[in-house]
N, C-alpha and C. Protein backbone atom coordinates (compact mmCIF):
# COMPACT_ATOMS: atom_id res chain seq x y z
N MET A 1 108.70 140.95 109.61
CA MET A 1 107.58 140.16 109.12
C MET A 1 107.62 140.15 107.59
N PRO A 2 107.61 138.96 106.99
CA PRO A 2 107.68 138.87 105.53
C PRO A 2 106.40 139.39 104.88
N ASP A 3 106.56 139.84 103.64
CA ASP A 3 105.39 140.26 102.87
C ASP A 3 104.46 139.08 102.66
N LYS A 4 103.19 139.34 102.69
CA LYS A 4 102.21 138.28 102.47
C LYS A 4 101.47 138.57 101.18
N ARG A 5 101.23 137.53 100.43
CA ARG A 5 100.51 137.60 99.17
C ARG A 5 99.42 136.55 99.18
N ILE A 6 98.46 136.73 98.31
CA ILE A 6 97.38 135.77 98.17
C ILE A 6 97.68 134.91 96.96
N LEU A 7 97.54 133.62 97.13
CA LEU A 7 97.73 132.66 96.05
C LEU A 7 96.37 132.04 95.76
N VAL A 8 95.90 132.20 94.55
CA VAL A 8 94.61 131.65 94.16
C VAL A 8 94.83 130.27 93.56
N VAL A 9 94.17 129.28 94.15
CA VAL A 9 94.27 127.91 93.67
C VAL A 9 92.87 127.34 93.52
N ASP A 10 92.77 126.28 92.73
CA ASP A 10 91.48 125.60 92.57
C ASP A 10 91.04 125.04 93.92
N ALA A 11 89.74 124.90 94.09
CA ALA A 11 89.19 124.37 95.34
C ALA A 11 89.71 122.97 95.62
N GLU A 12 89.89 122.17 94.58
CA GLU A 12 90.41 120.80 94.74
C GLU A 12 91.83 120.82 95.30
N VAL A 13 92.65 121.75 94.82
CA VAL A 13 94.03 121.87 95.30
C VAL A 13 94.03 122.28 96.77
N ALA A 14 93.19 123.23 97.12
CA ALA A 14 93.09 123.68 98.51
C ALA A 14 92.64 122.54 99.41
N ARG A 15 91.70 121.72 98.92
CA ARG A 15 91.22 120.58 99.71
C ARG A 15 92.35 119.58 99.93
N ARG A 16 93.14 119.29 98.88
CA ARG A 16 94.25 118.34 99.01
C ARG A 16 95.31 118.87 99.96
N ILE A 17 95.56 120.16 99.92
CA ILE A 17 96.52 120.77 100.85
C ILE A 17 96.04 120.57 102.27
N ASP A 18 94.78 120.89 102.51
CA ASP A 18 94.23 120.78 103.87
C ASP A 18 94.22 119.34 104.37
N GLU A 19 93.98 118.38 103.47
CA GLU A 19 93.95 116.98 103.88
C GLU A 19 95.32 116.45 104.26
N ASN A 20 96.38 117.04 103.72
CA ASN A 20 97.72 116.48 103.89
C ASN A 20 98.67 117.32 104.72
N ARG A 21 98.27 118.49 105.14
CA ARG A 21 99.23 119.38 105.80
C ARG A 21 99.41 119.12 107.29
N GLY A 22 98.55 118.33 107.86
CA GLY A 22 98.69 118.02 109.29
C GLY A 22 98.56 119.28 110.14
N ASP A 23 99.54 119.50 111.04
CA ASP A 23 99.50 120.65 111.93
C ASP A 23 100.10 121.90 111.31
N GLN A 24 100.70 121.78 110.15
CA GLN A 24 101.31 122.94 109.50
C GLN A 24 100.24 123.85 108.94
N ASN A 25 100.57 125.15 108.88
CA ASN A 25 99.65 126.03 108.18
C ASN A 25 99.87 125.86 106.68
N ARG A 26 98.95 126.37 105.89
CA ARG A 26 99.02 126.18 104.44
C ARG A 26 100.32 126.70 103.85
N SER A 27 100.76 127.86 104.29
CA SER A 27 101.96 128.48 103.74
C SER A 27 103.19 127.61 104.00
N ASP A 28 103.34 127.14 105.23
CA ASP A 28 104.49 126.28 105.57
C ASP A 28 104.46 124.99 104.77
N PHE A 29 103.27 124.41 104.63
CA PHE A 29 103.14 123.16 103.88
C PHE A 29 103.54 123.35 102.42
N ILE A 30 103.08 124.42 101.80
CA ILE A 30 103.43 124.69 100.41
C ILE A 30 104.93 124.95 100.28
N ASN A 31 105.53 125.63 101.25
CA ASN A 31 106.98 125.83 101.23
C ASN A 31 107.73 124.50 101.27
N VAL A 32 107.29 123.58 102.10
CA VAL A 32 107.93 122.27 102.18
C VAL A 32 107.80 121.54 100.85
N LEU A 33 106.62 121.59 100.26
CA LEU A 33 106.41 120.93 98.97
C LEU A 33 107.32 121.51 97.89
N ILE A 34 107.41 122.82 97.85
CA ILE A 34 108.25 123.47 96.85
C ILE A 34 109.72 123.12 97.08
N ASP A 35 110.16 123.21 98.32
CA ASP A 35 111.56 122.87 98.63
C ASP A 35 111.86 121.42 98.27
N THR A 36 110.93 120.53 98.55
CA THR A 36 111.12 119.12 98.24
C THR A 36 111.25 118.91 96.73
N CYS A 37 110.37 119.55 95.98
CA CYS A 37 110.41 119.39 94.52
C CYS A 37 111.67 120.00 93.93
N LEU A 38 112.06 121.16 94.39
CA LEU A 38 113.24 121.82 93.84
C LEU A 38 114.52 121.11 94.22
N ASN A 39 114.54 120.48 95.37
CA ASN A 39 115.75 119.81 95.84
C ASN A 39 115.73 118.31 95.63
N GLU A 40 114.76 117.81 94.85
CA GLU A 40 114.60 116.37 94.70
C GLU A 40 115.86 115.71 94.17
N ASN A 41 116.48 116.27 93.16
CA ASN A 41 117.67 115.64 92.59
C ASN A 41 118.82 115.62 93.60
N SER A 42 119.05 116.71 94.29
CA SER A 42 120.15 116.74 95.25
C SER A 42 119.84 115.88 96.46
N THR A 43 118.58 115.79 96.87
CA THR A 43 118.21 114.95 98.01
C THR A 43 118.42 113.49 97.68
N ASN A 44 118.02 113.07 96.49
CA ASN A 44 118.19 111.66 96.13
C ASN A 44 119.66 111.29 96.05
N LYS A 45 120.53 112.24 95.73
CA LYS A 45 121.96 111.95 95.71
C LYS A 45 122.50 111.74 97.13
N GLN A 46 121.78 112.25 98.12
CA GLN A 46 122.22 112.12 99.50
C GLN A 46 121.70 110.84 100.15
N GLY A 47 121.06 109.98 99.40
CA GLY A 47 120.65 108.71 99.96
C GLY A 47 119.16 108.54 100.16
N SER A 48 118.34 109.52 99.88
CA SER A 48 116.90 109.36 100.02
C SER A 48 116.35 108.62 98.82
N VAL A 49 115.26 107.93 99.03
CA VAL A 49 114.62 107.21 97.94
C VAL A 49 113.17 107.65 97.83
N THR A 50 112.63 107.49 96.65
CA THR A 50 111.23 107.80 96.46
C THR A 50 110.37 106.62 96.89
N LYS A 51 109.09 106.86 97.03
CA LYS A 51 108.18 105.79 97.42
C LYS A 51 108.19 104.68 96.37
N ALA A 52 108.21 105.06 95.10
CA ALA A 52 108.21 104.06 94.03
C ALA A 52 109.48 103.21 94.08
N GLN A 53 110.63 103.85 94.35
CA GLN A 53 111.88 103.11 94.45
C GLN A 53 111.84 102.14 95.63
N PHE A 54 111.29 102.58 96.75
CA PHE A 54 111.20 101.73 97.92
C PHE A 54 110.28 100.53 97.65
N GLU A 55 109.13 100.79 97.01
CA GLU A 55 108.21 99.69 96.71
C GLU A 55 108.84 98.70 95.74
N GLN A 56 109.63 99.19 94.78
CA GLN A 56 110.32 98.30 93.85
C GLN A 56 111.35 97.45 94.60
N PHE A 57 112.07 98.06 95.53
CA PHE A 57 113.03 97.33 96.35
C PHE A 57 112.32 96.27 97.20
N GLN A 58 111.21 96.67 97.79
CA GLN A 58 110.44 95.76 98.64
C GLN A 58 109.95 94.56 97.82
N GLN A 59 109.44 94.80 96.63
CA GLN A 59 108.96 93.73 95.78
C GLN A 59 110.11 92.81 95.37
N GLY A 60 111.27 93.39 95.04
CA GLY A 60 112.43 92.59 94.68
C GLY A 60 112.92 91.73 95.83
N THR A 61 112.88 92.28 97.04
CA THR A 61 113.29 91.52 98.22
C THR A 61 112.35 90.35 98.47
N ARG A 62 111.06 90.59 98.33
CA ARG A 62 110.09 89.49 98.50
C ARG A 62 110.32 88.40 97.46
N GLU A 63 110.58 88.82 96.23
CA GLU A 63 110.83 87.84 95.17
C GLU A 63 112.08 87.02 95.48
N LEU A 64 113.13 87.69 95.96
CA LEU A 64 114.36 86.99 96.32
C LEU A 64 114.11 86.00 97.45
N LEU A 65 113.38 86.41 98.46
CA LEU A 65 113.06 85.50 99.58
C LEU A 65 112.23 84.32 99.11
N ARG A 66 111.27 84.58 98.25
CA ARG A 66 110.43 83.49 97.75
C ARG A 66 111.28 82.50 96.95
N ASN A 67 112.17 83.02 96.10
CA ASN A 67 113.04 82.13 95.32
C ASN A 67 113.96 81.31 96.23
N PHE A 68 114.48 81.96 97.27
CA PHE A 68 115.33 81.25 98.22
C PHE A 68 114.56 80.14 98.92
N LEU A 69 113.37 80.45 99.39
CA LEU A 69 112.57 79.44 100.07
C LEU A 69 112.20 78.30 99.14
N GLU A 70 111.84 78.62 97.90
CA GLU A 70 111.52 77.56 96.93
C GLU A 70 112.73 76.67 96.71
N PHE A 71 113.90 77.27 96.57
CA PHE A 71 115.12 76.50 96.38
C PHE A 71 115.38 75.62 97.60
N PHE A 72 115.29 76.21 98.78
CA PHE A 72 115.57 75.50 100.01
C PHE A 72 114.64 74.30 100.18
N ILE A 73 113.37 74.53 99.91
CA ILE A 73 112.39 73.45 100.06
C ILE A 73 112.63 72.36 99.03
N SER A 74 112.80 72.76 97.76
CA SER A 74 112.98 71.75 96.72
C SER A 74 114.31 71.02 96.88
N TYR A 75 115.36 71.68 97.32
CA TYR A 75 116.65 71.03 97.54
C TYR A 75 116.53 69.99 98.65
N GLY A 76 115.85 70.36 99.72
CA GLY A 76 115.66 69.42 100.82
C GLY A 76 114.85 68.21 100.40
N LEU A 77 113.85 68.42 99.56
CA LEU A 77 113.03 67.30 99.10
C LEU A 77 113.79 66.42 98.13
N GLU A 78 114.67 67.01 97.29
CA GLU A 78 115.45 66.23 96.35
C GLU A 78 116.45 65.33 97.06
N LEU A 79 116.93 65.75 98.20
CA LEU A 79 117.86 64.93 98.95
C LEU A 79 117.15 63.78 99.65
N GLY A 80 115.84 63.77 99.57
CA GLY A 80 115.07 62.68 100.16
C GLY A 80 114.90 62.81 101.65
N LYS A 81 115.07 64.02 102.16
CA LYS A 81 114.91 64.22 103.59
C LYS A 81 113.45 64.57 103.88
N PRO A 82 112.72 63.63 104.42
CA PRO A 82 111.33 63.98 104.76
C PRO A 82 111.33 64.95 105.95
N PRO A 83 110.46 65.93 105.93
CA PRO A 83 110.41 66.88 107.04
C PRO A 83 110.01 66.18 108.34
N LYS A 84 110.85 66.35 109.36
CA LYS A 84 110.63 65.67 110.63
C LYS A 84 109.81 66.50 111.60
N ASP A 85 109.85 67.80 111.43
CA ASP A 85 109.11 68.65 112.36
C ASP A 85 108.26 69.64 111.56
N LYS A 86 107.92 70.71 112.18
CA LYS A 86 107.04 71.69 111.54
C LYS A 86 107.81 72.65 110.64
N THR A 87 109.10 72.44 110.45
CA THR A 87 109.91 73.35 109.65
C THR A 87 109.39 73.45 108.23
N PHE A 88 109.12 72.31 107.61
CA PHE A 88 108.62 72.29 106.24
C PHE A 88 107.29 73.03 106.13
N GLU A 89 106.41 72.77 107.08
CA GLU A 89 105.10 73.42 107.08
C GLU A 89 105.25 74.93 107.26
N GLU A 90 106.14 75.36 108.16
CA GLU A 90 106.36 76.79 108.39
C GLU A 90 106.93 77.47 107.15
N LEU A 91 107.90 76.80 106.50
CA LEU A 91 108.48 77.37 105.28
C LEU A 91 107.43 77.47 104.17
N SER A 92 106.59 76.47 104.07
CA SER A 92 105.53 76.51 103.06
C SER A 92 104.56 77.65 103.33
N GLN A 93 104.23 77.86 104.59
CA GLN A 93 103.34 78.97 104.95
C GLN A 93 103.98 80.31 104.64
N LYS A 94 105.28 80.44 104.94
CA LYS A 94 105.99 81.69 104.63
C LYS A 94 106.02 81.93 103.13
N LEU A 95 106.24 80.87 102.39
CA LEU A 95 106.25 80.97 100.93
C LEU A 95 104.90 81.43 100.42
N GLN A 96 103.83 80.87 100.96
CA GLN A 96 102.49 81.28 100.56
C GLN A 96 102.22 82.73 100.93
N SER A 97 102.65 83.16 102.13
CA SER A 97 102.40 84.54 102.54
C SER A 97 103.18 85.53 101.69
N LEU A 98 104.39 85.15 101.27
CA LEU A 98 105.15 86.02 100.38
C LEU A 98 104.47 86.13 99.03
N GLY A 99 103.92 85.04 98.55
CA GLY A 99 103.20 85.07 97.29
C GLY A 99 101.96 85.93 97.37
N ASN A 100 101.26 85.87 98.50
CA ASN A 100 100.06 86.67 98.69
C ASN A 100 100.39 88.14 98.86
N SER A 101 101.48 88.47 99.52
CA SER A 101 101.81 89.88 99.76
C SER A 101 102.19 90.59 98.48
N ASP A 102 102.75 89.89 97.48
CA ASP A 102 103.06 90.51 96.19
C ASP A 102 101.78 90.92 95.48
N ASN A 103 100.73 90.15 95.65
CA ASN A 103 99.46 90.48 95.00
C ASN A 103 98.83 91.71 95.60
N ASN A 104 99.18 92.06 96.84
CA ASN A 104 98.60 93.21 97.51
C ASN A 104 99.33 94.50 97.21
N LEU A 105 100.47 94.45 96.53
CA LEU A 105 101.21 95.67 96.26
C LEU A 105 100.58 96.50 95.20
C-alpha cells in the first residue's frame, strides 16, 4: 500500500476536481492530470492534438468547404446553367449553414 499524504488545495480547485473527475477518485484524477501535463510534448509528437488545434482545423475545414461551394455555385452560374432541380437550393442552404456554424465557434 503506497504512502498517503494530504494535499491542501483551495476550495475552488477541489470543486473543479470534483466536477470533472467522473467516477475516478480525486487521487487518480490528479495523477491523470499530472501525467497528461508532464507528457504533453511527447504525446503530441505521437499524433494527439489539443482542443484548440482541433477547433482550428475544424474552422479551416469549414472555410475550405464554404469557399468550394461558393466557387461551385458561381462557376455554374457563370456558365449560364440555370439550376434545374433543388441542387442549387441545397448548395445555398449548405453554404448558409457553414456560414452560421463559424459564428457559433
